[in-house]
Amino acid sequence: MVIMGMLVGAAFFYFQDSVIFPNIHSVSVARLLLIMLIGFTVLPVPPSMDIRGWAEMHPLNGPAWSLFFEYVGNFFYAIGVRKLPNWALAILVAIAAAALIHLTTLVATGDVIGGWSLEPSQFYIGCVRLIFPFFAGLLLSRAARLTYIKNAFFWCSVLLIIVLSTPRIGDADHLWMNGLYESISIIVLFPLIVYLGASGDVKGKYAGGLCKFLGDISYSIYITHYPIIYTYFGWVYDHKYKLADVWPVGLLAFASSIALSYLYLKLYDEPVRAWLTRKLLVKPANTN
């Protein structure tokens, strides 16, 4: 799906030409294809190779920056982190939490926004955003003892609504307030939501089907939706549209992202995974 995300990003790229993306109009097809091929590997590009003008390490498909950091985390997991005892992981979680609180309360804009560039300050944000979820998730998977919690889906939904409907608190003179709010959300509330979700059970044919559908497309939509967002954002910005003018197009972009991600999943991702499984993982039967 990384490859599909870059292909979609390249296909939409020239349709995104806008004053908010200052480099697009001057990018040659050869340069576009080079950035796309690099993107297939998830290797980041430096600001000097940015073809959009936003200093992104993956200018065709911005969210791929988080995959780069996930790959870094998986590399360290493979070479040694997986062997650490729980007490050592707990120490790393505490250090990561302290770094997160430092970032959100004393650095930048009082939040965790950033991480998608190789510029030093942005790269630091990306590292901080990686280490707490990575280490905390690993420790939670080892140490948590799941049980059955009644109405877990409902409580997860309530907590998510509360957090997401309060995107920011405080003002420009009190950035630490929002930083503390985001830190508490990431360090306490999000692990709690994960634990509740893992301890619950969704019953009913339609509820189960909906949850399965959303789970199936979650990765696909994450790694393919942003080229549509770029296109929509550039169009709205250039024409100075207001919400009342463009909400039908916004709904179309939303629905298209879901529909296309499902098609990518069924027509590309699942068949390719099945083929690779047959070729690389399934051993041929012994005919002797």
Protein backbone atom coordinates (compact mmCIF):
# COMPACT_ATOMS: atom_id res chain seq x y z
CA MET A 1 0.00 0.00 0.00
CA VAL A 2 3.00 2.30 0.33
CA ILE A 3 3.50 1.91 -3.41
CA MET A 4 -0.18 2.55 -4.07
CA GLY A 5 -0.09 5.71 -1.94
CA MET A 6 2.81 7.07 -3.97
CA LEU A 7 1.15 6.14 -7.26
CA VAL A 8 -2.02 7.97 -6.22
CA GLY A 9 0.08 10.94 -5.07
CA ALA A 10 1.83 11.11 -8.45
CA ALA A 11 -1.47 10.78 -10.37
CA PHE A 12 -3.03 13.69 -8.48
CA PHE A 13 0.10 15.85 -8.26
CA TYR A 14 -0.37 18.27 -11.14
CA PHE A 15 -4.07 18.71 -10.31
CA GLN A 16 -2.92 20.19 -7.00
CA ASP A 17 -1.19 23.21 -8.56
CA SER A 18 -2.00 26.09 -6.23
CA VAL A 19 -0.45 29.17 -4.68
CA ILE A 20 -0.34 27.24 -1.42
CA PHE A 21 1.90 24.64 -3.09
CA PRO A 22 4.47 26.94 -4.74
CA ASN A 23 6.70 24.35 -6.44
CA ILE A 24 4.24 22.19 -8.37
CA HIS A 25 4.02 24.24 -11.55
CA SER A 26 7.78 24.02 -12.14
CA VAL A 27 8.24 20.27 -11.51
CA SER A 28 9.21 18.14 -14.50
CA VAL A 29 7.71 14.70 -15.08
CA ALA A 30 11.16 13.13 -14.69
CA ARG A 31 11.62 14.74 -11.27
CA LEU A 32 8.12 13.67 -10.25
CA LEU A 33 8.86 10.06 -11.21
CA LEU A 34 12.16 10.14 -9.32
CA ILE A 35 10.44 11.30 -6.13
CA MET A 36 7.77 8.63 -6.65
CA LEU A 37 10.38 5.87 -6.97
CA ILE A 38 12.15 7.06 -3.83
CA GLY A 39 8.78 7.15 -2.09
CA PHE A 40 8.26 3.46 -2.87
CA THR A 41 11.14 2.72 -0.48
CA VAL A 42 9.79 5.06 2.28
CA LEU A 43 13.24 6.66 2.37
CA PRO A 44 12.82 10.38 3.12
CA VAL A 45 13.92 13.13 0.77
CA PRO A 46 15.72 16.25 2.05
CA PRO A 47 14.18 19.74 1.75
CA SER A 48 16.31 20.34 -1.35
CA MET A 49 14.29 17.67 -3.19
CA ASP A 50 10.88 18.91 -2.06
CA ILE A 51 8.65 19.23 -5.13
CA ARG A 52 5.64 20.66 -3.32
CA GLY A 53 7.11 23.50 -1.30
CA TRP A 54 6.07 22.29 2.15
CA ALA A 55 9.42 20.78 3.16
CA GLU A 56 7.87 17.30 3.44
CA MET A 57 10.09 14.22 3.45
CA HIS A 58 7.41 12.56 1.25
CA PRO A 59 5.96 15.38 -0.88
CA LEU A 60 3.70 13.11 -2.94
CA ASN A 61 1.98 11.57 0.07
CA GLY A 62 2.60 13.45 3.30
CA PRO A 63 1.40 10.83 5.84
CA ALA A 64 4.17 8.47 4.73
CA TRP A 65 6.48 10.40 7.09
CA SER A 66 4.98 8.48 10.02
CA LEU A 67 5.65 5.18 8.23
CA PHE A 68 9.30 6.16 7.95
CA PHE A 69 9.47 6.58 11.72
CA GLU A 70 7.57 3.33 12.23
CA TYR A 71 10.15 1.56 10.08
CA VAL A 72 12.88 3.08 12.25
CA GLY A 73 11.06 1.79 15.34
CA ASN A 74 10.72 -1.67 13.81
CA PHE A 75 14.44 -1.68 12.98
CA PHE A 76 15.36 -1.03 16.61
CA TYR A 77 12.80 -3.62 17.70
CA ALA A 78 14.42 -6.21 15.46
CA ILE A 79 17.99 -5.53 16.59
CA GLY A 80 17.37 -5.54 20.33
CA VAL A 81 14.36 -3.76 21.80
CA ARG A 82 12.29 -6.95 21.58
CA LYS A 83 14.69 -8.60 24.02
CA LEU A 84 14.40 -5.93 26.71
CA PRO A 85 12.73 -6.96 29.98
CA ASN A 86 9.60 -5.14 31.10
CA TRP A 87 11.42 -3.05 33.69
CA ALA A 88 13.75 -1.69 31.02
CA LEU A 89 10.80 -0.95 28.76
CA ALA A 90 9.11 0.86 31.64
CA ILE A 91 12.16 3.10 32.01
CA LEU A 92 12.10 3.87 28.28
CA VAL A 93 8.38 4.64 28.49
CA ALA A 94 9.03 7.07 31.34
CA ILE A 95 11.83 8.79 29.41
CA ALA A 96 9.64 8.99 26.30
CA ALA A 97 6.77 10.47 28.33
CA ALA A 98 9.12 13.09 29.78
CA ALA A 99 10.35 13.98 26.28
CA LEU A 100 6.75 14.31 25.10
CA ILE A 101 5.82 16.61 27.98
CA HIS A 102 8.94 18.68 27.35
CA LEU A 103 8.08 19.02 23.66
CA THR A 104 4.47 20.01 24.21
CA THR A 105 4.91 22.36 27.16
CA LEU A 106 8.27 24.04 26.58
CA VAL A 107 9.01 23.78 22.86
CA ALA A 108 7.38 25.07 19.67
CA THR A 109 3.63 25.72 19.70
CA GLY A 110 2.36 23.69 22.63
CA ASP A 111 1.39 20.63 20.60
CA VAL A 112 2.79 17.63 18.75
CA ILE A 113 2.15 18.98 15.27
CA GLY A 114 5.11 18.30 12.99
CA GLY A 115 7.59 15.59 12.22
CA TRP A 116 7.21 15.35 8.46
CA SER A 117 10.49 17.01 7.48
CA LEU A 118 14.19 16.21 7.82
CA GLU A 119 14.82 19.71 9.15
CA PRO A 120 16.36 19.26 12.63
CA SER A 121 13.47 20.73 14.64
CA GLN A 122 10.90 18.75 12.67
CA PHE A 123 12.93 15.56 12.84
CA TYR A 124 13.08 15.91 16.63
CA ILE A 125 9.29 16.22 16.77
CA GLY A 126 8.95 13.08 14.65
CA CYS A 127 11.26 11.14 16.96
CA VAL A 128 9.35 12.23 20.06
CA ARG A 129 6.05 11.34 18.42
CA LEU A 130 7.42 7.87 17.71
CA ILE A 131 9.05 6.81 20.94
CA PHE A 132 6.21 7.03 23.46
CA PRO A 133 3.51 5.20 21.43
CA PHE A 134 6.10 2.64 20.31
CA PHE A 135 7.51 1.78 23.73
CA ALA A 136 4.20 2.19 25.57
CA GLY A 137 2.38 -0.01 23.06
CA LEU A 138 5.01 -2.72 23.40
CA LEU A 139 4.87 -2.58 27.20
CA LEU A 140 1.06 -2.56 27.19
CA SER A 141 0.95 -5.63 24.94
CA ARG A 142 3.20 -7.50 27.37
CA ALA A 143 1.96 -6.34 30.74
CA ALA A 144 -1.76 -5.72 30.32
CA ARG A 145 -4.09 -8.49 31.40
CA LEU A 146 -7.23 -8.21 29.34
CA THR A 147 -10.63 -8.84 30.83
CA TYR A 148 -14.18 -8.42 29.63
CA ILE A 149 -15.50 -4.88 30.04
CA LYS A 150 -19.18 -4.37 29.40
CA ASN A 151 -20.05 -1.63 26.91
CA ALA A 152 -16.38 -1.09 26.11
CA PHE A 153 -17.22 0.18 22.62
CA PHE A 154 -19.53 2.82 24.12
CA TRP A 155 -16.91 4.03 26.61
CA CYS A 156 -14.22 4.14 23.94
CA SER A 157 -16.55 6.21 21.78
CA VAL A 158 -17.31 8.63 24.62
CA LEU A 159 -13.63 9.14 25.41
CA LEU A 160 -12.75 9.68 21.74
CA ILE A 161 -15.58 12.19 21.29
CA ILE A 162 -14.46 14.13 24.36
CA VAL A 163 -10.82 14.26 23.23
CA LEU A 164 -11.45 14.97 19.55
CA SER A 165 -14.15 17.58 20.15
CA THR A 166 -11.67 19.58 22.24
CA PRO A 167 -8.80 19.95 19.77
CA ARG A 168 -7.04 22.74 21.67
CA ILE A 169 -7.22 24.63 24.96
CA GLY A 170 -5.53 27.79 26.18
CA ASP A 171 -4.33 30.73 24.10
CA ALA A 172 -1.11 32.01 22.59
CA ASP A 173 0.09 33.24 25.98
CA HIS A 174 -0.55 29.88 27.67
CA LEU A 175 0.73 27.30 25.21
CA TRP A 176 1.74 25.03 28.07
CA MET A 177 -1.95 24.42 28.84
CA ASN A 178 -2.58 22.80 25.49
CA GLY A 179 0.74 20.99 25.73
CA LEU A 180 -0.27 19.47 29.05
CA TYR A 181 -3.69 18.56 27.65
CA GLU A 182 -2.16 16.79 24.65
CA SER A 183 0.40 15.03 26.85
CA ILE A 184 -2.31 13.68 29.17
CA SER A 185 -4.35 12.57 26.17
CA ILE A 186 -1.42 10.69 24.63
CA ILE A 187 0.10 9.29 27.82
CA VAL A 188 -3.07 8.38 29.72
CA LEU A 189 -6.26 8.52 27.65
CA PHE A 190 -5.12 6.87 24.42
CA PRO A 191 -3.57 3.79 26.12
CA LEU A 192 -6.76 3.54 28.20
CA ILE A 193 -8.87 3.61 25.03
CA VAL A 194 -6.69 0.88 23.48
CA TYR A 195 -7.06 -1.25 26.60
CA LEU A 196 -10.83 -0.75 26.74
CA GLY A 197 -11.18 -1.59 23.07
CA ALA A 198 -9.14 -4.75 23.43
CA SER A 199 -11.24 -5.77 26.45
CA GLY A 200 -14.59 -5.31 24.74
CA ASP A 201 -16.74 -7.28 22.38
CA VAL A 202 -18.85 -5.87 19.56
CA LYS A 203 -22.07 -7.84 19.22
CA GLY A 204 -24.59 -7.87 16.45
CA LYS A 205 -24.32 -8.60 12.76
CA TYR A 206 -24.40 -5.00 11.54
CA ALA A 207 -22.20 -3.53 14.29
CA GLY A 208 -19.64 -6.28 13.78
CA GLY A 209 -19.72 -5.84 10.02
CA LEU A 210 -19.25 -2.09 10.29
CA CYS A 211 -16.32 -2.45 12.68
CA LYS A 212 -14.71 -5.05 10.40
CA PHE A 213 -15.15 -2.80 7.37
CA LEU A 214 -13.60 0.18 9.16
CA GLY A 215 -10.75 -1.98 10.41
CA ASP A 216 -10.12 -3.41 6.96
CA ILE A 217 -9.85 -0.01 5.27
CA SER A 218 -8.05 1.76 8.13
CA TYR A 219 -4.54 1.35 6.72
CA SER A 220 -5.63 1.74 3.12
CA ILE A 221 -7.40 5.03 3.75
CA TYR A 222 -4.56 6.31 5.91
CA ILE A 223 -1.93 5.86 3.22
CA THR A 224 -4.00 6.89 0.16
CA HIS A 225 -6.37 9.70 1.20
CA TYR A 226 -3.98 12.63 1.39
CA PRO A 227 -3.57 13.30 -2.35
CA ILE A 228 -7.32 13.98 -2.40
CA ILE A 229 -6.89 16.32 0.59
CA TYR A 230 -4.08 18.20 -1.17
CA THR A 231 -6.26 18.67 -4.25
CA TYR A 232 -9.30 19.81 -2.28
CA PHE A 233 -7.26 22.13 -0.06
CA GLY A 234 -5.49 23.81 -2.99
CA TRP A 235 -8.79 24.38 -4.78
CA VAL A 236 -10.47 25.88 -1.73
CA TYR A 237 -7.47 28.06 -0.89
CA ASP A 238 -7.11 29.52 -4.38
CA HIS A 239 -10.79 30.44 -4.63
CA LYS A 240 -11.16 31.60 -0.99
CA TYR A 241 -14.27 29.48 -0.61
CA LYS A 242 -16.19 29.29 2.66
CA LEU A 243 -17.68 26.13 4.16
CA ALA A 244 -21.17 27.03 2.96
CA ASP A 245 -19.87 27.12 -0.61
CA VAL A 246 -17.98 23.85 -0.70
CA TRP A 247 -19.46 21.43 1.83
CA PRO A 248 -20.93 19.18 -0.92
CA VAL A 249 -17.47 18.89 -2.52
CA GLY A 250 -16.00 18.23 0.92
CA LEU A 251 -18.45 15.38 1.43
CA LEU A 252 -17.55 14.05 -2.02
CA ALA A 253 -13.84 14.12 -1.10
CA PHE A 254 -14.65 12.30 2.14
CA ALA A 255 -16.76 9.64 0.42
CA SER A 256 -14.24 9.26 -2.41
CA SER A 257 -11.44 8.64 0.06
CA ILE A 258 -13.41 5.82 1.66
CA ALA A 259 -14.60 4.29 -1.61
CA LEU A 260 -11.19 4.41 -3.27
CA SER A 261 -9.45 2.98 -0.22
CA TYR A 262 -11.86 0.02 -0.32
CA LEU A 263 -11.14 -0.52 -4.01
CA TYR A 264 -7.39 -0.34 -3.40
CA LEU A 265 -7.80 -2.90 -0.62
CA LYS A 266 -9.88 -5.39 -2.61
CA LEU A 267 -8.38 -4.98 -6.07
CA TYR A 268 -4.74 -4.49 -5.12
CA ASP A 269 -3.69 -4.97 -1.50
CA GLU A 270 -5.42 -8.25 -0.65
CA PRO A 271 -4.64 -9.97 -3.99
CA VAL A 272 -0.98 -8.92 -3.83
CA ARG A 273 -0.66 -10.06 -0.21
CA ALA A 274 -2.26 -13.40 -1.09
CA TRP A 275 0.11 -13.84 -4.04
CA LEU A 276 3.17 -12.99 -1.93
CA THR A 277 1.98 -15.39 0.78
CA ARG A 278 1.69 -18.23 -1.73
CA LYS A 279 5.08 -17.45 -3.27
CA LEU A 280 7.15 -16.66 -0.21
CA LEU A 281 5.54 -18.07 2.93
CA VAL A 282 3.58 -21.20 2.07
CA LYS A 283 5.87 -24.19 1.72
CA PRO A 284 5.05 -26.65 -1.05
CA ALA A 285 3.60 -29.97 0.09
CA ASN A 286 5.96 -32.89 0.29
CA THR A 287 5.12 -35.21 -2.60
CA ASN A 288 7.39 -38.05 -1.48
